[in-house]
Amino acid sequence: MTEVSARLRDFVFRGLLFESEAEVFRKAGINVGIDIGEAEEALLLEALSPFGVKRRNDALEMARLYAVLHAFENEVRSLIRDTLDEKAKGDWWESEAIPTKVRNLANARQLTAIQDSWLEGAKSDRLEYVDFGDLGTIIIQNWEHFKEVMPGQEWIKQRMNELEKARNFVAHNRMLLPSEFQRIYMYVSDWNKVIGL
């Protein structure tokens, strides 16, 4: 090994060691090294800098709303998956637990995703291919497994229907009014209280 490569190896190794040790201090609340949050925020602001102030502000507000909807939608999927895994007998995906139309559409979407080999990402969970609105349908179809947690079927229908409309607005990059933001945050907060998050 040449002296230059040995020095480079030592430099890289010391850097990795520093990062490893610094993480212990960061977890304890001590600032060491680069602040990842600040760096990410700076990168986001740089990416948005070509746009006008109003467009940037709208984008940042919608990004926060998208993050909440993303977390909520995937939490609903997890609740369905975990509940049916625990309480439904056998392979619940292939049973009456999932309406035939919903199952067939999700299976077709999964097959398309698998065939699109260039598109990377999670492809194995069929529940990921179910439309947002159909998640409420699955809960209602399996009400005996969810009735202990949920206030009622009408409660589910109303919230999932309204959240689906708002979600579709956000997914298609349409700006919502502040009152809609508040309604979404309220519904998500209600849901989280009901399921104990």
Protein backbone atom coordinates (compact mmCIF):
# COMPACT_ATOMS: atom_id res chain seq x y z
CA MET A 1 0.00 0.00 0.00
CA THR A 2 1.39 3.38 -0.94
CA GLU A 3 1.82 6.14 1.59
CA VAL A 4 -0.91 8.22 -0.09
CA SER A 5 -3.47 5.40 -0.02
CA ALA A 6 -2.57 4.61 3.61
CA ARG A 7 -3.05 8.25 4.59
CA LEU A 8 -6.38 8.36 2.69
CA ARG A 9 -7.54 5.16 4.40
CA ASP A 10 -6.59 6.57 7.82
CA PHE A 11 -8.37 9.85 7.08
CA VAL A 12 -11.57 8.09 6.01
CA PHE A 13 -11.42 5.73 8.98
CA ARG A 14 -10.98 8.62 11.44
CA GLY A 15 -13.96 10.37 9.85
CA LEU A 16 -16.15 7.29 10.23
CA LEU A 17 -15.01 6.87 13.81
CA PHE A 18 -15.82 10.51 14.56
CA GLU A 19 -19.32 10.18 13.07
CA SER A 20 -19.95 7.02 15.06
CA GLU A 21 -18.88 8.62 18.32
CA ALA A 22 -20.63 11.91 17.54
CA GLU A 23 -23.96 10.09 17.17
CA VAL A 24 -23.80 9.10 20.84
CA PHE A 25 -23.47 12.78 21.80
CA ARG A 26 -26.22 13.88 19.38
CA LYS A 27 -28.64 11.41 20.95
CA ALA A 28 -27.83 12.98 24.30
CA GLY A 29 -28.78 16.39 22.90
CA ILE A 30 -25.25 17.69 22.42
CA ASN A 31 -24.55 19.38 19.07
CA VAL A 32 -21.57 17.74 17.41
CA GLY A 33 -20.72 17.96 13.73
CA ILE A 34 -23.22 18.99 11.08
CA ASP A 35 -26.88 19.45 11.99
CA ILE A 36 -28.68 17.17 9.52
CA GLY A 37 -32.00 19.01 9.96
CA GLU A 38 -30.47 22.37 9.15
CA ALA A 39 -28.61 20.90 6.17
CA GLU A 40 -31.82 19.36 4.79
CA GLU A 41 -33.73 22.58 5.32
CA ALA A 42 -31.01 24.54 3.50
CA LEU A 43 -31.13 22.10 0.58
CA LEU A 44 -34.93 22.40 0.38
CA LEU A 45 -34.81 26.19 0.48
CA GLU A 46 -32.12 26.18 -2.21
CA ALA A 47 -34.26 23.94 -4.44
CA LEU A 48 -37.24 26.28 -3.98
CA SER A 49 -35.24 29.51 -4.43
CA PRO A 50 -36.05 30.00 -8.15
CA PHE A 51 -39.76 30.33 -7.35
CA GLY A 52 -41.64 33.33 -5.99
CA VAL A 53 -42.23 33.81 -2.28
CA LYS A 54 -45.93 32.84 -2.41
CA ARG A 55 -45.20 29.68 -4.41
CA ARG A 56 -42.43 28.72 -1.96
CA ASN A 57 -44.65 29.32 1.07
CA ASP A 58 -47.51 27.32 -0.48
CA ALA A 59 -45.10 24.49 -1.32
CA LEU A 60 -43.74 24.33 2.23
CA GLU A 61 -47.24 24.31 3.71
CA MET A 62 -48.38 21.59 1.29
CA ALA A 63 -45.23 19.56 2.00
CA ARG A 64 -46.13 19.46 5.69
CA LEU A 65 -49.70 18.43 4.84
CA TYR A 66 -48.44 15.76 2.43
CA ALA A 67 -46.21 14.35 5.17
CA VAL A 68 -49.16 14.12 7.59
CA LEU A 69 -51.37 12.45 4.96
CA HIS A 70 -48.58 10.04 4.01
CA ALA A 71 -48.09 9.01 7.64
CA PHE A 72 -51.85 8.75 8.22
CA GLU A 73 -52.57 6.65 5.11
CA ASN A 74 -49.79 4.23 5.90
CA GLU A 75 -50.86 4.04 9.54
CA VAL A 76 -54.35 3.01 8.37
CA ARG A 77 -52.77 0.32 6.18
CA SER A 78 -50.75 -0.92 9.16
CA LEU A 79 -53.82 -1.00 11.38
CA ILE A 80 -55.69 -3.08 8.79
CA ARG A 81 -52.75 -5.42 8.22
CA ASP A 82 -51.99 -5.91 11.92
CA THR A 83 -55.64 -6.37 12.89
CA LEU A 84 -56.41 -8.87 10.13
CA ASP A 85 -53.16 -10.74 10.72
CA GLU A 86 -54.14 -11.11 14.37
CA LYS A 87 -57.89 -11.71 14.14
CA ALA A 88 -58.77 -13.06 10.69
CA LYS A 89 -58.23 -16.73 10.03
CA GLY A 90 -55.95 -17.95 7.24
CA ASP A 91 -54.83 -15.85 4.29
CA TRP A 92 -57.15 -12.89 4.78
CA TRP A 93 -56.03 -11.27 1.51
CA GLU A 94 -57.55 -14.12 -0.51
CA SER A 95 -60.68 -14.36 1.68
CA GLU A 96 -63.89 -12.38 1.98
CA ALA A 97 -62.01 -9.89 4.14
CA ILE A 98 -61.02 -8.00 0.99
CA PRO A 99 -63.78 -7.14 -1.49
CA THR A 100 -63.15 -8.93 -4.81
CA LYS A 101 -63.04 -5.71 -6.84
CA VAL A 102 -60.51 -4.15 -4.43
CA ARG A 103 -58.35 -7.30 -4.38
CA ASN A 104 -58.36 -7.65 -8.19
CA LEU A 105 -57.41 -4.00 -8.73
CA ALA A 106 -54.62 -4.17 -6.15
CA ASN A 107 -53.28 -7.44 -7.59
CA ALA A 108 -53.24 -5.91 -11.10
CA ARG A 109 -51.42 -2.81 -9.84
CA GLN A 110 -48.86 -4.93 -8.04
CA LEU A 111 -48.22 -6.98 -11.18
CA THR A 112 -47.70 -3.79 -13.19
CA ALA A 113 -45.27 -2.48 -10.56
CA ILE A 114 -43.30 -5.71 -10.64
CA GLN A 115 -43.16 -5.60 -14.46
CA ASP A 116 -41.89 -2.01 -14.27
CA SER A 117 -38.56 -3.29 -13.04
CA TRP A 118 -36.91 0.10 -13.55
CA LEU A 119 -39.18 1.58 -10.85
CA GLU A 120 -37.65 0.70 -7.51
CA GLY A 121 -39.44 0.65 -4.20
CA ALA A 122 -41.59 -1.58 -2.05
CA LYS A 123 -43.62 -3.96 -4.20
CA SER A 124 -44.40 -6.96 -2.01
CA ASP A 125 -47.28 -5.69 0.15
CA ARG A 126 -50.56 -5.92 -1.76
CA LEU A 127 -52.28 -3.62 0.71
CA GLU A 128 -49.99 -0.84 -0.57
CA TYR A 129 -51.85 -1.00 -3.90
CA VAL A 130 -55.31 -0.49 -2.40
CA ASP A 131 -56.87 2.93 -3.06
CA PHE A 132 -57.14 5.20 -0.04
CA GLY A 133 -60.95 5.20 -0.20
CA ASP A 134 -61.05 1.41 -0.23
CA LEU A 135 -59.21 1.22 3.09
CA GLY A 136 -62.40 2.36 4.84
CA THR A 137 -64.36 -0.24 2.87
CA ILE A 138 -62.03 -2.98 4.14
CA ILE A 139 -62.48 -1.82 7.74
CA ILE A 140 -66.27 -1.80 7.40
CA GLN A 141 -66.31 -5.19 5.64
CA ASN A 142 -64.38 -6.59 8.62
CA TRP A 143 -66.26 -4.62 11.24
CA GLU A 144 -66.27 -7.46 13.78
CA HIS A 145 -62.48 -7.07 14.02
CA PHE A 146 -62.47 -3.25 14.24
CA LYS A 147 -65.61 -2.40 16.25
CA GLU A 148 -63.74 -2.43 19.56
CA VAL A 149 -61.43 0.33 18.33
CA MET A 150 -63.64 2.48 16.07
CA PRO A 151 -66.57 4.65 17.22
CA GLY A 152 -68.83 3.50 14.36
CA GLN A 153 -69.07 2.72 10.68
CA GLU A 154 -70.53 6.14 9.83
CA TRP A 155 -67.60 7.79 11.60
CA ILE A 156 -65.19 5.80 9.40
CA LYS A 157 -67.14 6.49 6.19
CA GLN A 158 -67.36 10.24 6.78
CA ARG A 159 -63.72 10.75 7.69
CA MET A 160 -62.26 8.48 5.05
CA ASN A 161 -64.49 10.03 2.37
CA GLU A 162 -63.55 13.60 3.25
CA LEU A 163 -59.87 12.75 3.76
CA GLU A 164 -59.77 10.97 0.41
CA LYS A 165 -61.02 14.08 -1.38
CA ALA A 166 -58.45 16.26 0.38
CA ARG A 167 -55.71 13.69 -0.20
CA ASN A 168 -56.45 13.65 -3.92
CA PHE A 169 -56.21 17.45 -4.03
CA VAL A 170 -52.81 17.28 -2.36
CA ALA A 171 -51.64 14.36 -4.53
CA HIS A 172 -52.41 16.41 -7.65
CA ASN A 173 -50.61 19.48 -6.31
CA ARG A 174 -53.70 21.63 -5.85
CA MET A 175 -53.61 24.18 -3.05
CA LEU A 176 -56.16 23.83 -0.26
CA LEU A 177 -57.68 26.61 1.81
CA PRO A 178 -56.51 27.05 5.43
CA SER A 179 -59.87 25.73 6.71
CA GLU A 180 -59.25 22.48 4.81
CA PHE A 181 -55.81 22.18 6.38
CA GLN A 182 -57.41 22.47 9.81
CA ARG A 183 -60.09 19.89 9.00
CA ILE A 184 -57.45 17.38 7.84
CA TYR A 185 -55.31 17.94 10.93
CA MET A 186 -58.42 17.58 13.13
CA TYR A 187 -59.54 14.31 11.45
CA VAL A 188 -56.05 12.84 11.66
CA SER A 189 -55.81 13.88 15.31
CA ASP A 190 -59.23 12.29 16.01
CA TRP A 191 -58.10 9.07 14.33
CA ASN A 192 -54.86 9.01 16.31
CA LYS A 193 -56.77 9.44 19.60
CA VAL A 194 -59.21 6.66 18.68
CA ILE A 195 -56.51 4.09 17.83
CA GLY A 196 -54.24 5.21 20.64
CA LEU A 197 -51.35 6.92 18.85
